[in-house]
Amino acid sequence: MSAVRAQDTTVSPAPEQADQIATLLSFMEAHEAHRGGAPEPSFFLSGAGEHDRVELSEQLYTVLRQTAAALSQGQSVSISARDQELTTQQAGEILGISRPTVVQLIESGELPAHVPGTVRRKLYLSDVLSYRDEIQSRRNAFITESSARYGDADVDDISELLAEARKVR
């Protein structure tokens, strides 16, 4: 169920690009000084075509700004993508079950979790969503199988079948 958790990329300053990085950083600093701090989302990434551009969010602008500043000072920059971590309570809310039930699923090995510090369990969002999809698939398969098997059962038969299913659980 667990996917690759991180992609690490390290970029070191290339001497031949020092002027470009300095120009980019000067441009960003000038606009920040003119506007009095971080800009409103008014910066764009342009492609080769005349109308080929996309607006940068403030978050992406900040990453670009910090990257340009570090590279202009001769530092290498590492970017690591990380899956969002959830508490057992948050996982329970996503799955529609209680926190103690999430803990039981973790302890039984049905739902993967880790302990990043010393106390609290954490779950990766991707694992919780995969588990949710798996449970939904199981439910759908059960409904399909049950309706095919017991489609013409009468009320008395249904009561007996439900009692039998509860015993199996």
N, C-alpha and C. Protein backbone atom coordinates (compact mmCIF):
# COMPACT_ATOMS: atom_id res chain seq x y z
N MET A 1 0.81 -1.19 0.00
CA MET A 1 0.00 0.00 0.00
C MET A 1 0.86 1.26 0.00
N SER A 2 2.04 1.20 0.60
CA SER A 2 2.90 2.36 0.70
C SER A 2 3.56 2.66 -0.63
N ALA A 3 3.56 3.92 -0.98
CA ALA A 3 4.22 4.36 -2.21
C ALA A 3 5.54 5.00 -1.84
N VAL A 4 6.30 5.36 -2.83
CA VAL A 4 7.55 6.07 -2.58
C VAL A 4 7.20 7.37 -1.89
N ARG A 5 7.86 7.67 -0.81
CA ARG A 5 7.50 8.80 0.03
C ARG A 5 8.14 10.12 -0.38
N ALA A 6 9.30 10.06 -0.98
CA ALA A 6 9.98 11.32 -1.24
C ALA A 6 10.77 11.25 -2.53
N GLN A 7 10.89 12.40 -3.13
CA GLN A 7 11.77 12.57 -4.27
C GLN A 7 12.71 13.70 -3.89
N ASP A 8 13.99 13.43 -3.87
CA ASP A 8 14.95 14.45 -3.50
C ASP A 8 15.67 14.94 -4.74
N THR A 9 15.80 16.24 -4.83
CA THR A 9 16.53 16.87 -5.92
C THR A 9 17.46 17.90 -5.31
N THR A 10 18.72 17.84 -5.69
CA THR A 10 19.67 18.83 -5.22
C THR A 10 20.22 19.56 -6.44
N VAL A 11 20.19 20.88 -6.36
CA VAL A 11 20.69 21.72 -7.44
C VAL A 11 21.83 22.55 -6.89
N SER A 12 22.96 22.50 -7.56
CA SER A 12 24.11 23.30 -7.17
C SER A 12 24.25 24.45 -8.16
N PRO A 13 24.77 25.58 -7.70
CA PRO A 13 24.89 26.72 -8.61
C PRO A 13 25.89 26.43 -9.72
N ALA A 14 25.49 26.74 -10.93
CA ALA A 14 26.38 26.59 -12.09
C ALA A 14 27.00 27.95 -12.39
N PRO A 15 28.31 28.03 -12.44
CA PRO A 15 28.96 29.32 -12.66
C PRO A 15 28.47 30.05 -13.91
N GLU A 16 28.16 29.29 -14.96
CA GLU A 16 27.71 29.93 -16.20
C GLU A 16 26.30 30.52 -16.08
N GLN A 17 25.57 30.18 -15.03
CA GLN A 17 24.22 30.72 -14.84
C GLN A 17 24.16 31.78 -13.74
N ALA A 18 25.30 32.17 -13.22
CA ALA A 18 25.34 33.14 -12.12
C ALA A 18 24.67 34.46 -12.50
N ASP A 19 24.89 34.94 -13.73
CA ASP A 19 24.28 36.20 -14.15
C ASP A 19 22.77 36.09 -14.24
N GLN A 20 22.27 34.97 -14.77
CA GLN A 20 20.82 34.77 -14.87
C GLN A 20 20.17 34.73 -13.49
N ILE A 21 20.81 34.03 -12.57
CA ILE A 21 20.27 33.93 -11.21
C ILE A 21 20.28 35.29 -10.54
N ALA A 22 21.36 36.04 -10.71
CA ALA A 22 21.45 37.38 -10.13
C ALA A 22 20.38 38.30 -10.71
N THR A 23 20.14 38.20 -12.02
CA THR A 23 19.11 39.01 -12.66
C THR A 23 17.73 38.66 -12.11
N LEU A 24 17.45 37.37 -11.99
CA LEU A 24 16.17 36.93 -11.45
C LEU A 24 15.99 37.43 -10.02
N LEU A 25 17.01 37.27 -9.19
CA LEU A 25 16.92 37.71 -7.81
C LEU A 25 16.74 39.22 -7.72
N SER A 26 17.47 39.97 -8.51
CA SER A 26 17.32 41.44 -8.52
C SER A 26 15.91 41.84 -8.93
N PHE A 27 15.38 41.17 -9.94
CA PHE A 27 14.01 41.44 -10.39
C PHE A 27 13.01 41.22 -9.26
N MET A 28 13.14 40.09 -8.58
CA MET A 28 12.21 39.76 -7.50
C MET A 28 12.36 40.74 -6.34
N GLU A 29 13.59 41.06 -5.97
CA GLU A 29 13.82 42.00 -4.88
C GLU A 29 13.27 43.39 -5.21
N ALA A 30 13.45 43.83 -6.45
CA ALA A 30 12.95 45.15 -6.86
C ALA A 30 11.44 45.21 -6.76
N HIS A 31 10.77 44.15 -7.21
CA HIS A 31 9.31 44.14 -7.13
C HIS A 31 8.81 44.05 -5.70
N GLU A 32 9.52 43.32 -4.85
CA GLU A 32 9.14 43.25 -3.44
C GLU A 32 9.31 44.61 -2.78
N ALA A 33 10.41 45.30 -3.09
CA ALA A 33 10.65 46.62 -2.51
C ALA A 33 9.59 47.61 -2.99
N HIS A 34 9.23 47.52 -4.26
CA HIS A 34 8.23 48.42 -4.83
C HIS A 34 6.85 48.17 -4.23
N ARG A 35 6.51 46.92 -4.00
CA ARG A 35 5.19 46.56 -3.48
C ARG A 35 5.17 46.47 -1.96
N GLY A 36 6.31 46.53 -1.31
CA GLY A 36 6.35 46.49 0.14
C GLY A 36 6.24 45.09 0.71
N GLY A 37 6.99 44.15 0.21
CA GLY A 37 6.97 42.79 0.75
C GLY A 37 6.64 41.78 -0.32
N ALA A 38 6.21 40.63 0.13
CA ALA A 38 5.86 39.56 -0.81
C ALA A 38 4.71 40.01 -1.70
N PRO A 39 4.77 39.66 -2.96
CA PRO A 39 3.76 40.14 -3.90
C PRO A 39 2.42 39.42 -3.76
N GLU A 40 1.41 40.10 -4.25
CA GLU A 40 0.15 39.40 -4.45
C GLU A 40 0.42 38.49 -5.64
N PRO A 41 -0.40 37.46 -5.83
CA PRO A 41 -0.12 36.55 -6.96
C PRO A 41 -0.18 37.30 -8.29
N SER A 42 0.96 37.86 -8.68
CA SER A 42 0.99 38.63 -9.92
C SER A 42 2.24 38.31 -10.73
N PHE A 43 2.81 37.15 -10.50
CA PHE A 43 3.97 36.73 -11.26
C PHE A 43 3.59 35.52 -12.09
N PHE A 44 4.23 35.43 -13.25
CA PHE A 44 3.86 34.39 -14.20
C PHE A 44 5.09 33.63 -14.67
N LEU A 45 4.88 32.39 -15.01
CA LEU A 45 5.89 31.57 -15.66
C LEU A 45 5.49 31.51 -17.12
N SER A 46 6.39 31.92 -18.00
CA SER A 46 6.07 32.01 -19.42
C SER A 46 6.71 30.88 -20.21
N GLY A 47 5.98 30.44 -21.22
CA GLY A 47 6.50 29.44 -22.15
C GLY A 47 6.99 30.12 -23.41
N ALA A 48 7.19 29.34 -24.45
CA ALA A 48 7.73 29.87 -25.70
C ALA A 48 6.69 30.67 -26.48
N GLY A 49 5.42 30.30 -26.37
CA GLY A 49 4.36 30.98 -27.12
C GLY A 49 3.98 32.32 -26.50
N GLU A 50 3.37 33.17 -27.33
CA GLU A 50 3.00 34.52 -26.88
C GLU A 50 2.02 34.48 -25.71
N HIS A 51 1.07 33.59 -25.74
CA HIS A 51 0.06 33.50 -24.68
C HIS A 51 0.27 32.29 -23.79
N ASP A 52 1.46 31.74 -23.83
CA ASP A 52 1.79 30.54 -23.07
C ASP A 52 2.37 30.94 -21.72
N ARG A 53 1.51 31.12 -20.72
CA ARG A 53 1.97 31.50 -19.39
C ARG A 53 0.99 31.01 -18.34
N VAL A 54 1.52 30.88 -17.13
CA VAL A 54 0.70 30.45 -16.01
C VAL A 54 1.07 31.31 -14.79
N GLU A 55 0.09 31.64 -14.00
CA GLU A 55 0.32 32.47 -12.82
C GLU A 55 0.95 31.64 -11.71
N LEU A 56 1.93 32.21 -11.02
CA LEU A 56 2.56 31.54 -9.89
C LEU A 56 1.83 31.90 -8.60
N SER A 57 1.57 30.91 -7.79
CA SER A 57 0.97 31.17 -6.48
C SER A 57 2.02 31.81 -5.58
N GLU A 58 1.59 32.39 -4.48
CA GLU A 58 2.53 32.99 -3.54
C GLU A 58 3.50 31.93 -3.00
N GLN A 59 2.98 30.73 -2.78
CA GLN A 59 3.81 29.64 -2.27
C GLN A 59 4.93 29.29 -3.25
N LEU A 60 4.59 29.15 -4.54
CA LEU A 60 5.61 28.84 -5.54
C LEU A 60 6.58 30.01 -5.72
N TYR A 61 6.07 31.23 -5.64
CA TYR A 61 6.93 32.41 -5.73
C TYR A 61 7.97 32.37 -4.60
N THR A 62 7.52 32.04 -3.39
CA THR A 62 8.43 32.00 -2.24
C THR A 62 9.51 30.93 -2.43
N VAL A 63 9.12 29.77 -2.94
CA VAL A 63 10.10 28.71 -3.20
C VAL A 63 11.12 29.19 -4.23
N LEU A 64 10.65 29.80 -5.30
CA LEU A 64 11.53 30.31 -6.34
C LEU A 64 12.47 31.38 -5.78
N ARG A 65 11.93 32.27 -4.98
CA ARG A 65 12.71 33.36 -4.38
C ARG A 65 13.81 32.80 -3.48
N GLN A 66 13.46 31.87 -2.62
CA GLN A 66 14.44 31.28 -1.70
C GLN A 66 15.50 30.48 -2.46
N THR A 67 15.08 29.79 -3.51
CA THR A 67 16.02 29.03 -4.33
C THR A 67 17.00 29.96 -5.03
N ALA A 68 16.49 31.02 -5.63
CA ALA A 68 17.35 31.98 -6.33
C ALA A 68 18.33 32.64 -5.36
N ALA A 69 17.86 32.99 -4.16
CA ALA A 69 18.73 33.62 -3.17
C ALA A 69 19.86 32.68 -2.75
N ALA A 70 19.54 31.43 -2.50
CA ALA A 70 20.57 30.47 -2.08
C ALA A 70 21.57 30.21 -3.21
N LEU A 71 21.08 30.00 -4.43
CA LEU A 71 21.97 29.75 -5.56
C LEU A 71 22.88 30.95 -5.83
N SER A 72 22.35 32.17 -5.67
CA SER A 72 23.16 33.36 -5.92
C SER A 72 24.28 33.51 -4.89
N GLN A 73 24.13 32.86 -3.74
CA GLN A 73 25.17 32.89 -2.70
C GLN A 73 26.10 31.69 -2.79
N GLY A 74 25.97 30.91 -3.87
CA GLY A 74 26.84 29.76 -4.07
C GLY A 74 26.43 28.52 -3.31
N GLN A 75 25.25 28.52 -2.74
CA GLN A 75 24.77 27.36 -1.98
C GLN A 75 24.03 26.40 -2.89
N SER A 76 24.05 25.13 -2.53
CA SER A 76 23.23 24.13 -3.21
C SER A 76 21.85 24.15 -2.57
N VAL A 77 20.86 23.75 -3.33
CA VAL A 77 19.48 23.74 -2.84
C VAL A 77 18.93 22.33 -3.01
N SER A 78 18.32 21.81 -1.95
CA SER A 78 17.67 20.50 -2.01
C SER A 78 16.18 20.68 -1.85
N ILE A 79 15.43 19.99 -2.70
CA ILE A 79 13.98 20.01 -2.61
C ILE A 79 13.53 18.57 -2.41
N SER A 80 12.76 18.34 -1.37
CA SER A 80 12.26 17.00 -1.07
C SER A 80 10.74 17.03 -1.03
N ALA A 81 10.13 16.19 -1.83
CA ALA A 81 8.67 16.06 -1.81
C ALA A 81 8.30 15.04 -0.74
N ARG A 82 7.38 15.37 0.13
CA ARG A 82 6.98 14.49 1.22
C ARG A 82 5.47 14.31 1.20
N ASP A 83 5.05 13.09 1.46
CA ASP A 83 3.63 12.79 1.57
C ASP A 83 3.12 13.41 2.87
N GLN A 84 1.92 13.95 2.84
CA GLN A 84 1.34 14.57 4.03
C GLN A 84 1.10 13.51 5.10
N GLU A 85 1.46 13.85 6.34
CA GLU A 85 1.24 12.94 7.46
C GLU A 85 -0.05 13.32 8.18
N LEU A 86 -0.74 12.30 8.69
CA LEU A 86 -1.99 12.49 9.41
C LEU A 86 -1.90 11.87 10.79
N THR A 87 -2.68 12.40 11.72
CA THR A 87 -2.83 11.76 13.02
C THR A 87 -3.85 10.64 12.88
N THR A 88 -3.95 9.80 13.89
CA THR A 88 -4.95 8.74 13.85
C THR A 88 -6.36 9.33 13.85
N GLN A 89 -6.54 10.46 14.52
CA GLN A 89 -7.85 11.12 14.53
C GLN A 89 -8.22 11.60 13.13
N GLN A 90 -7.28 12.24 12.44
CA GLN A 90 -7.55 12.72 11.09
C GLN A 90 -7.82 11.56 10.14
N ALA A 91 -7.08 10.47 10.29
CA ALA A 91 -7.31 9.29 9.45
C ALA A 91 -8.71 8.74 9.69
N GLY A 92 -9.12 8.70 10.96
CA GLY A 92 -10.46 8.23 11.30
C GLY A 92 -11.54 9.08 10.66
N GLU A 93 -11.33 10.40 10.65
CA GLU A 93 -12.31 11.30 10.04
C GLU A 93 -12.42 11.04 8.54
N ILE A 94 -11.30 10.82 7.88
CA ILE A 94 -11.32 10.54 6.44
C ILE A 94 -12.02 9.22 6.15
N LEU A 95 -11.74 8.22 6.99
CA LEU A 95 -12.31 6.89 6.77
C LEU A 95 -13.72 6.73 7.32
N GLY A 96 -14.16 7.69 8.15
CA GLY A 96 -15.50 7.59 8.73
C GLY A 96 -15.56 6.56 9.85
N ILE A 97 -14.44 6.40 10.56
CA ILE A 97 -14.39 5.46 11.69
C ILE A 97 -13.76 6.17 12.89
N SER A 98 -13.83 5.54 14.04
CA SER A 98 -13.28 6.16 15.25
C SER A 98 -11.76 6.04 15.30
N ARG A 99 -11.15 6.89 16.11
CA ARG A 99 -9.70 6.83 16.29
C ARG A 99 -9.27 5.47 16.86
N PRO A 100 -9.97 4.93 17.87
CA PRO A 100 -9.58 3.60 18.37
C PRO A 100 -9.65 2.51 17.29
N THR A 101 -10.59 2.62 16.37
CA THR A 101 -10.67 1.65 15.28
C THR A 101 -9.47 1.79 14.36
N VAL A 102 -9.04 3.02 14.11
CA VAL A 102 -7.83 3.24 13.30
C VAL A 102 -6.64 2.58 13.99
N VAL A 103 -6.53 2.77 15.31
CA VAL A 103 -5.43 2.16 16.06
C VAL A 103 -5.47 0.64 15.94
N GLN A 104 -6.66 0.05 16.02
CA GLN A 104 -6.79 -1.40 15.86
C GLN A 104 -6.33 -1.85 14.47
N LEU A 105 -6.69 -1.07 13.45
CA LEU A 105 -6.27 -1.40 12.08
C LEU A 105 -4.75 -1.33 11.94
N ILE A 106 -4.15 -0.36 12.61
CA ILE A 106 -2.69 -0.23 12.58
C ILE A 106 -2.04 -1.43 13.28
N GLU A 107 -2.57 -1.75 14.47
CA GLU A 107 -1.99 -2.84 15.25
C GLU A 107 -2.15 -4.20 14.56
N SER A 108 -3.22 -4.35 13.79
CA SER A 108 -3.43 -5.61 13.07
C SER A 108 -2.62 -5.67 11.77
N GLY A 109 -1.99 -4.55 11.41
CA GLY A 109 -1.18 -4.51 10.20
C GLY A 109 -1.98 -4.21 8.94
N GLU A 110 -3.26 -3.92 9.10
CA GLU A 110 -4.10 -3.65 7.94
C GLU A 110 -3.88 -2.24 7.39
N LEU A 111 -3.45 -1.33 8.25
CA LEU A 111 -3.23 0.06 7.86
C LEU A 111 -1.82 0.45 8.31
N PRO A 112 -0.92 0.80 7.38
CA PRO A 112 0.45 1.12 7.78
C PRO A 112 0.54 2.47 8.49
N ALA A 113 1.45 2.55 9.46
CA ALA A 113 1.70 3.78 10.20
C ALA A 113 3.16 3.77 10.65
N HIS A 114 3.62 4.91 11.10
CA HIS A 114 4.98 5.02 11.61
C HIS A 114 4.97 5.97 12.80
N VAL A 115 6.05 5.97 13.56
CA VAL A 115 6.20 6.85 14.71
C VAL A 115 7.41 7.74 14.44
N PRO A 116 7.19 8.96 13.94
CA PRO A 116 8.32 9.82 13.57
C PRO A 116 9.12 10.32 14.78
N GLY A 117 8.47 10.46 15.91
CA GLY A 117 9.16 10.91 17.12
C GLY A 117 9.27 9.76 18.10
N THR A 118 8.73 9.97 19.28
CA THR A 118 8.81 8.92 20.28
C THR A 118 7.45 8.44 20.75
N VAL A 119 6.39 9.15 20.41
CA VAL A 119 5.10 8.82 21.00
C VAL A 119 3.98 8.57 20.00
N ARG A 120 3.66 9.52 19.20
CA ARG A 120 2.44 9.50 18.38
C ARG A 120 2.62 8.79 17.05
N ARG A 121 1.62 7.99 16.71
CA ARG A 121 1.61 7.32 15.41
C ARG A 121 1.18 8.32 14.35
N LYS A 122 1.75 8.20 13.19
CA LYS A 122 1.36 9.02 12.04
C LYS A 122 1.09 8.09 10.87
N LEU A 123 0.19 8.52 10.02
CA LEU A 123 -0.14 7.77 8.82
C LEU A 123 0.07 8.70 7.63
N TYR A 124 0.46 8.12 6.51
CA TYR A 124 0.58 8.91 5.30
C TYR A 124 -0.79 9.01 4.64
N LEU A 125 -1.10 10.21 4.15
CA LEU A 125 -2.38 10.44 3.49
C LEU A 125 -2.59 9.45 2.35
N SER A 126 -1.56 9.18 1.58
CA SER A 126 -1.71 8.25 0.45
C SER A 126 -2.11 6.86 0.92
N ASP A 127 -1.58 6.42 2.07
CA ASP A 127 -1.95 5.11 2.61
C ASP A 127 -3.40 5.09 3.07
N VAL A 128 -3.84 6.17 3.71
CA VAL A 128 -5.23 6.24 4.19
C VAL A 128 -6.19 6.24 3.00
N LEU A 129 -5.87 7.01 1.97
CA LEU A 129 -6.74 7.06 0.79
C LEU A 129 -6.75 5.72 0.05
N SER A 130 -5.61 5.05 -0.01
CA SER A 130 -5.56 3.72 -0.64
C SER A 130 -6.40 2.73 0.14
N TYR A 131 -6.32 2.78 1.46
CA TYR A 131 -7.11 1.89 2.30
C TYR A 131 -8.60 2.16 2.10
N ARG A 132 -8.96 3.45 2.04
CA ARG A 132 -10.36 3.81 1.82
C ARG A 132 -10.86 3.26 0.49
N ASP A 133 -10.05 3.38 -0.56
CA ASP A 133 -10.43 2.85 -1.87
C ASP A 133 -10.55 1.33 -1.84
N GLU A 134 -9.63 0.68 -1.12
CA GLU A 134 -9.66 -0.78 -1.01
C GLU A 134 -10.93 -1.24 -0.29
N ILE A 135 -11.29 -0.56 0.79
CA ILE A 135 -12.51 -0.91 1.54
C ILE A 135 -13.74 -0.71 0.66
N GLN A 136 -13.77 0.39 -0.09
CA GLN A 136 -14.90 0.65 -0.98
C GLN A 136 -15.01 -0.44 -2.05
N SER A 137 -13.88 -0.87 -2.57
CA SER A 137 -13.89 -1.95 -3.57
C SER A 137 -14.41 -3.25 -2.96
N ARG A 138 -13.98 -3.54 -1.73
CA ARG A 138 -14.47 -4.75 -1.05
C ARG A 138 -15.98 -4.68 -0.83
N ARG A 139 -16.45 -3.51 -0.41
CA ARG A 139 -17.90 -3.33 -0.20
C ARG A 139 -18.67 -3.55 -1.50
N ASN A 140 -18.18 -2.93 -2.56
CA ASN A 140 -18.85 -3.08 -3.85
C ASN A 140 -18.87 -4.53 -4.31
N ALA A 141 -17.75 -5.22 -4.13
CA ALA A 141 -17.69 -6.64 -4.51
C ALA A 141 -18.66 -7.47 -3.68
N PHE A 142 -18.74 -7.17 -2.38
CA PHE A 142 -19.66 -7.90 -1.50
C PHE A 142 -21.11 -7.66 -1.92
N ILE A 143 -21.43 -6.41 -2.22
CA ILE A 143 -22.81 -6.08 -2.63
C ILE A 143 -23.15 -6.79 -3.93
N THR A 144 -22.23 -6.76 -4.88
CA THR A 144 -22.47 -7.42 -6.17
C THR A 144 -22.65 -8.92 -5.98
N GLU A 145 -21.76 -9.52 -5.20
CA GLU A 145 -21.84 -10.96 -4.95
C GLU A 145 -23.12 -11.32 -4.19
N SER A 146 -23.45 -10.53 -3.19
CA SER A 146 -24.65 -10.80 -2.39
C SER A 146 -25.92 -10.66 -3.20
N SER A 147 -25.98 -9.63 -4.02
CA SER A 147 -27.20 -9.44 -4.81
C SER A 147 -27.35 -10.54 -5.85
N ALA A 148 -26.25 -11.04 -6.38
CA ALA A 148 -26.33 -12.14 -7.34
C ALA A 148 -26.72 -13.44 -6.65
N ARG A 149 -26.18 -13.65 -5.46
CA ARG A 149 -26.42 -14.90 -4.74
C ARG A 149 -27.80 -14.93 -4.07
N TYR A 150 -28.21 -13.80 -3.52
CA TYR A 150 -29.43 -13.78 -2.71
C TYR A 150 -30.51 -12.87 -3.28
N GLY A 151 -30.45 -12.59 -4.55
CA GLY A 151 -31.40 -11.67 -5.18
C GLY A 151 -32.85 -12.06 -5.03
N ASP A 152 -33.15 -13.35 -5.00
CA ASP A 152 -34.55 -13.77 -4.92
C ASP A 152 -34.90 -14.37 -3.56
N ALA A 153 -34.13 -14.04 -2.52
CA ALA A 153 -34.41 -14.56 -1.17
C ALA A 153 -35.60 -13.81 -0.57
N ASP A 154 -36.39 -14.50 0.25
CA ASP A 154 -37.52 -13.84 0.91
C ASP A 154 -37.05 -13.26 2.25
N VAL A 155 -37.94 -12.57 2.95
CA VAL A 155 -37.61 -11.84 4.18
C VAL A 155 -37.03 -12.77 5.25
N ASP A 156 -37.61 -13.96 5.43
CA ASP A 156 -37.11 -14.90 6.44
C ASP A 156 -35.69 -15.35 6.12
N ASP A 157 -35.44 -15.61 4.85
CA ASP A 157 -34.09 -16.03 4.43
C ASP A 157 -33.07 -14.92 4.69
N ILE A 158 -33.47 -13.69 4.45
CA ILE A 158 -32.57 -12.55 4.65
C ILE A 158 -32.18 -12.43 6.11
N SER A 159 -33.15 -12.59 7.03
CA SER A 159 -32.85 -12.52 8.46
C SER A 159 -31.84 -13.59 8.86
N GLU A 160 -32.02 -14.79 8.35
CA GLU A 160 -31.09 -15.89 8.65
C GLU A 160 -29.70 -15.60 8.08
N LEU A 161 -29.66 -15.08 6.87
CA LEU A 161 -28.38 -14.77 6.23
C LEU A 161 -27.62 -13.67 6.98
N LEU A 162 -28.36 -12.66 7.46
CA LEU A 162 -27.73 -11.59 8.23
C LEU A 162 -27.16 -12.14 9.53
N ALA A 163 -27.91 -12.98 10.21
CA ALA A 163 -27.43 -13.58 11.45
C ALA A 163 -26.17 -14.41 11.19
N GLU A 164 -26.16 -15.13 10.10
CA GLU A 164 -25.01 -15.95 9.72
C GLU A 164 -23.80 -15.07 9.41
N ALA A 165 -24.02 -13.99 8.71
CA ALA A 165 -22.92 -13.07 8.36
C ALA A 165 -22.33 -12.43 9.61
N ARG A 166 -23.16 -12.12 10.59
CA ARG A 166 -22.67 -11.52 11.84
C ARG A 166 -21.79 -12.50 12.60
N LYS A 167 -22.12 -13.78 12.55
CA LYS A 167 -21.32 -14.79 13.23
C LYS A 167 -19.94 -14.91 12.59
N VAL A 168 -19.89 -14.80 11.28
CA VAL A 168 -18.64 -14.93 10.54
C VAL A 168 -17.68 -13.80 10.90
N ARG A 169 -18.20 -12.62 11.14
CA ARG A 169 -17.37 -11.47 11.49
C ARG A 169 -16.67 -11.74 12.77
